[in-house]
Protein backbone atom coordinates (compact mmCIF):
# COMPACT_ATOMS: atom_id res chain seq x y z
CA MET A 1 -245.56 -4.72 -114.92
CA ASP A 2 -248.61 -6.07 -116.73
CA ARG A 3 -250.63 -7.76 -114.08
CA ARG A 4 -252.62 -9.41 -116.39
CA LEU A 5 -249.77 -10.78 -118.15
CA LEU A 6 -248.17 -12.17 -114.51
CA TRP A 7 -251.37 -14.15 -114.46
CA PHE A 8 -251.58 -15.34 -117.71
CA THR A 9 -247.68 -17.00 -116.73
CA LEU A 10 -248.47 -17.75 -113.24
CA LEU A 11 -252.10 -19.85 -114.74
CA LEU A 12 -249.67 -21.33 -117.87
CA ALA A 13 -246.51 -22.43 -115.61
CA PRO A 14 -248.16 -25.35 -113.70
CA VAL A 15 -249.76 -26.57 -117.50
CA LEU A 16 -246.17 -26.65 -119.32
CA GLY A 17 -244.44 -28.18 -115.71
CA TRP A 18 -247.28 -30.87 -115.86
CA SER A 19 -246.07 -31.66 -119.63
CA ALA A 20 -242.64 -31.36 -119.57
CA ILE A 21 -243.21 -35.05 -117.35
CA LYS A 22 -242.07 -37.31 -119.41
CA PRO A 23 -243.92 -36.10 -122.88
CA HIS A 24 -244.17 -39.17 -125.06
CA ASP A 25 -241.48 -37.85 -127.51
CA LEU A 26 -239.28 -35.25 -126.13
CA PHE A 27 -238.64 -34.03 -129.50
CA THR A 28 -242.23 -33.19 -130.37
CA TRP A 29 -243.13 -31.41 -126.89
CA LEU A 30 -239.77 -29.62 -127.56
CA LEU A 31 -241.49 -28.50 -130.97
CA GLU A 32 -245.30 -28.45 -130.12
CA VAL A 33 -244.24 -25.66 -127.26
CA CYS A 34 -241.87 -23.53 -128.68
CA PRO A 35 -244.25 -20.74 -129.81
CA ILE A 36 -244.09 -20.32 -126.52
CA PHE A 37 -240.90 -19.84 -125.80
CA ILE A 38 -240.72 -17.46 -128.24
CA GLY A 39 -243.86 -15.89 -128.17
CA LEU A 40 -243.86 -15.54 -124.30
CA PRO A 41 -241.02 -13.47 -124.03
CA VAL A 42 -241.88 -10.83 -126.44
CA ALA A 43 -245.00 -9.99 -124.94
CA PHE A 44 -243.42 -9.12 -121.26
CA ALA A 45 -240.75 -6.87 -123.85
CA VAL A 46 -243.02 -5.19 -125.42
CA GLN A 47 -246.05 -4.75 -122.48
CA ARG A 48 -245.37 -1.30 -122.21
CA ARG A 49 -245.21 -0.19 -124.94
CA PHE A 50 -248.34 -2.50 -126.41
CA PRO A 51 -250.89 -4.05 -123.15
CA LEU A 52 -252.55 -6.99 -124.93
CA SER A 53 -256.41 -7.02 -124.88
CA GLY A 54 -258.23 -9.00 -122.34
CA LEU A 55 -259.70 -10.95 -125.47
CA LEU A 56 -256.28 -11.81 -126.80
CA LEU A 57 -254.66 -13.21 -123.15
CA VAL A 58 -257.58 -15.15 -122.57
CA LEU A 59 -257.26 -16.31 -126.24
CA LEU A 60 -253.77 -16.89 -126.17
CA TRP A 61 -253.65 -18.66 -122.75
CA LEU A 62 -256.67 -21.20 -124.14
CA HIS A 63 -254.27 -22.00 -127.55
CA SER A 64 -251.23 -22.29 -124.80
CA VAL A 65 -252.43 -25.14 -123.08
CA ILE A 66 -254.03 -26.89 -126.54
CA LEU A 67 -250.45 -26.76 -127.70
CA ILE A 68 -249.08 -28.28 -124.52
CA VAL A 69 -251.38 -31.23 -123.97
CA GLY A 70 -250.95 -31.84 -127.54
CA GLY A 71 -246.63 -31.96 -127.00
CA HIS A 72 -247.31 -33.85 -123.88
CA TYR A 73 -249.31 -36.90 -125.80
CA THR A 74 -248.39 -35.93 -129.19
CA TYR A 75 -251.16 -34.86 -131.84
CA ALA A 76 -252.18 -38.52 -131.74
CA ARG A 77 -252.64 -39.69 -128.66
CA VAL A 78 -254.37 -37.01 -126.53
CA PRO A 79 -256.74 -38.96 -124.33
CA LEU A 80 -259.49 -36.25 -125.88
CA GLY A 81 -258.91 -36.86 -129.01
CA ASP A 82 -259.22 -41.17 -128.17
CA TRP A 83 -262.60 -40.48 -127.02
CA ALA A 84 -263.55 -38.32 -129.90
CA MET A 85 -262.98 -41.19 -131.59
CA GLU A 86 -264.97 -43.41 -130.06
CA TRP A 87 -268.29 -41.12 -129.15
CA PHE A 88 -268.33 -40.44 -133.56
CA GLY A 89 -267.03 -43.28 -134.78
CA TRP A 90 -264.07 -41.17 -136.53
CA SER A 91 -260.86 -43.29 -137.73
CA ARG A 92 -258.15 -41.29 -136.80
CA ASN A 93 -257.99 -39.30 -133.84
CA ASN A 94 -258.85 -35.20 -134.92
CA TYR A 95 -257.20 -33.64 -131.69
CA ASP A 96 -255.13 -32.01 -134.24
CA LYS A 97 -257.70 -30.88 -136.20
CA LEU A 98 -258.85 -28.93 -132.99
CA GLY A 99 -254.76 -27.45 -132.49
CA HIS A 100 -255.04 -26.28 -136.63
CA PHE A 101 -258.81 -24.33 -136.05
CA ALA A 102 -257.36 -22.84 -133.13
CA GLN A 103 -254.49 -21.21 -135.76
CA GLY A 104 -256.49 -19.61 -137.43
CA PHE A 105 -258.99 -18.53 -134.74
CA VAL A 106 -256.05 -17.40 -132.23
CA PRO A 107 -254.20 -15.47 -134.89
CA ALA A 108 -257.29 -13.59 -136.38
CA ILE A 109 -257.33 -12.32 -133.86
CA LEU A 110 -254.05 -11.20 -132.65
CA THR A 111 -253.35 -10.21 -136.17
CA ARG A 112 -255.95 -8.30 -136.10
CA GLU A 113 -254.92 -6.93 -133.07
CA ILE A 114 -252.22 -5.34 -134.32
CA LEU A 115 -253.32 -3.72 -137.71
CA LEU A 116 -255.45 -1.91 -135.91
CA ARG A 117 -253.91 -0.30 -133.09
CA THR A 118 -250.49 -0.28 -135.36
CA SER A 119 -251.80 0.80 -139.32
CA PRO A 120 -254.01 2.92 -140.47
CA LEU A 121 -256.75 0.32 -141.28
CA LYS A 122 -258.92 1.67 -138.50
CA GLY A 123 -261.87 1.43 -140.17
CA SER A 124 -261.08 -0.48 -143.31
CA LYS A 125 -263.37 -3.07 -145.22
CA TRP A 126 -260.27 -4.49 -146.25
CA LEU A 127 -258.63 -5.89 -142.14
CA GLY A 128 -260.86 -8.57 -142.40
CA PHE A 129 -259.48 -9.96 -146.20
CA LEU A 130 -255.97 -9.21 -144.20
CA VAL A 131 -256.18 -10.68 -141.15
CA VAL A 132 -257.26 -14.11 -142.85
CA SER A 133 -254.59 -13.73 -145.38
CA VAL A 134 -252.26 -14.04 -142.81
CA CYS A 135 -253.90 -16.56 -140.55
CA LEU A 136 -254.05 -18.38 -143.81
CA ALA A 137 -249.53 -17.92 -144.83
CA PHE A 138 -249.20 -18.46 -141.53
CA SER A 139 -250.66 -22.34 -141.43
CA ALA A 140 -248.60 -22.82 -144.51
CA LEU A 141 -246.06 -21.49 -143.61
CA TYR A 142 -246.10 -24.18 -140.32
CA GLU A 143 -247.01 -26.90 -143.35
CA LEU A 144 -243.50 -25.79 -144.29
CA LEU A 145 -241.59 -26.13 -141.40
CA GLU A 146 -243.51 -29.84 -140.44
CA TRP A 147 -242.07 -30.64 -143.59
CA ALA A 148 -238.36 -29.50 -142.95
CA VAL A 149 -238.09 -30.74 -140.01
CA ALA A 150 -239.75 -33.94 -141.61
CA GLU A 151 -237.38 -33.72 -143.72
CA LEU A 152 -233.95 -33.55 -141.54
CA SER A 153 -235.61 -35.54 -139.00
CA GLY A 154 -237.35 -38.53 -140.77
CA ALA A 155 -238.54 -40.99 -138.36
CA SER A 156 -238.36 -38.50 -135.07
CA ALA A 157 -240.62 -36.23 -136.88
CA ASP A 158 -243.49 -39.01 -137.30
CA ASP A 159 -245.43 -37.54 -134.01
CA PHE A 160 -244.82 -33.54 -134.71
CA LEU A 161 -246.34 -34.28 -138.44
CA GLY A 162 -249.17 -36.71 -137.10
CA THR A 163 -251.07 -37.20 -140.66
CA GLN A 164 -252.20 -40.25 -139.42
CA GLY A 165 -252.34 -41.98 -143.09
CA TYR A 166 -254.08 -39.46 -143.32
CA ALA A 167 -253.71 -38.53 -147.49
CA TRP A 168 -254.92 -34.98 -147.54
CA ASP A 169 -253.69 -33.97 -143.71
CA THR A 170 -252.18 -30.57 -145.17
CA GLN A 171 -254.57 -28.94 -147.32
CA THR A 172 -257.27 -30.10 -143.78
CA ASP A 173 -255.32 -28.56 -141.63
CA MET A 174 -255.02 -25.37 -143.52
CA ALA A 175 -258.39 -25.36 -144.42
CA LEU A 176 -259.59 -25.87 -140.60
CA ALA A 177 -257.14 -22.34 -140.08
CA LEU A 178 -259.19 -20.36 -142.69
CA VAL A 179 -262.04 -21.56 -141.13
CA GLY A 180 -260.77 -20.26 -138.02
CA ALA A 181 -260.09 -17.42 -138.34
CA VAL A 182 -263.50 -17.16 -140.72
CA VAL A 183 -264.82 -17.87 -137.77
CA ALA A 184 -262.96 -15.92 -135.12
CA LEU A 185 -263.79 -12.27 -137.28
CA LEU A 186 -267.26 -13.27 -137.76
CA LEU A 187 -268.55 -14.09 -133.55
CA LEU A 188 -265.47 -11.93 -132.03
CA ALA A 189 -265.24 -8.55 -133.82
CA ARG A 190 -267.16 -6.87 -132.11
CA VAL A 191 -266.05 -8.48 -128.16
CA HIS A 192 -262.63 -7.49 -129.56
CA ASP A 193 -262.72 -4.09 -130.23
CA ARG A 194 -264.87 -3.30 -126.41
CA SER A 195 -261.55 -5.78 -124.94
CA MET A 196 -258.95 -3.12 -127.14
CA GLY A 197 -260.41 -0.31 -125.95
CA LYS A 198 -260.26 -0.39 -122.45
CA VAL A 199 -256.46 -1.48 -122.92
CA ILE A 200 -255.85 2.07 -125.12
CA GLY A 201 -257.78 3.99 -122.85
CA LYS A 202 -260.87 5.16 -125.83
CA PRO A 203 -263.42 3.31 -127.81
CA LEU A 204 -262.09 1.90 -130.79
CA ILE A 205 -264.58 1.71 -133.72
CA SER A 206 -263.67 -0.86 -136.68
CA ALA A 207 -265.74 -0.84 -139.71
CA ASN A 208 -267.49 -4.20 -139.00
CA GLN A 209 -269.96 -1.49 -136.23
CA ARG A 210 -270.39 0.78 -139.25
């Protein structure tokens, strides 16, 4: 068993346990933490054939915490967002925008790792474009799922949508995911290559290092 993945789970478990204790809305909590309950078993199932890089594990852990906290309070009620709203004079709690930035930032590294290790794109200048495209498509899919949940659940999905009356909420969510993906590639590509190299046992040189 990958000890790093075990530590990932052990460090995440108490946070997840805390969030499950009297969340503001149980339905919203389930929707928000659902990706964790899907992704973690998949990571364990493929750990021998496809162990994740250390950098990706750290980012996935941080993203999981963002989802867990948002699920416990609902995004519009997270205390950190309320504090920022007072400090910066915002008219709404923008914790959800942090979540959507992470929705581009972290999946960009995940997508990059999968493509570099399983496709002939290593060294291709198309890699970055495809990674960003996948992240933007995933963000759009998520918005469609939110819409579907809202239609099926009615008022009970208001906390999950978290629009807070903002007319351009869907568009800004996708824009932030796009920005997050681009920023991740610009800042972490070289670090990610080194982190993957440690996992696969040899240096990995992609187009950004040429």
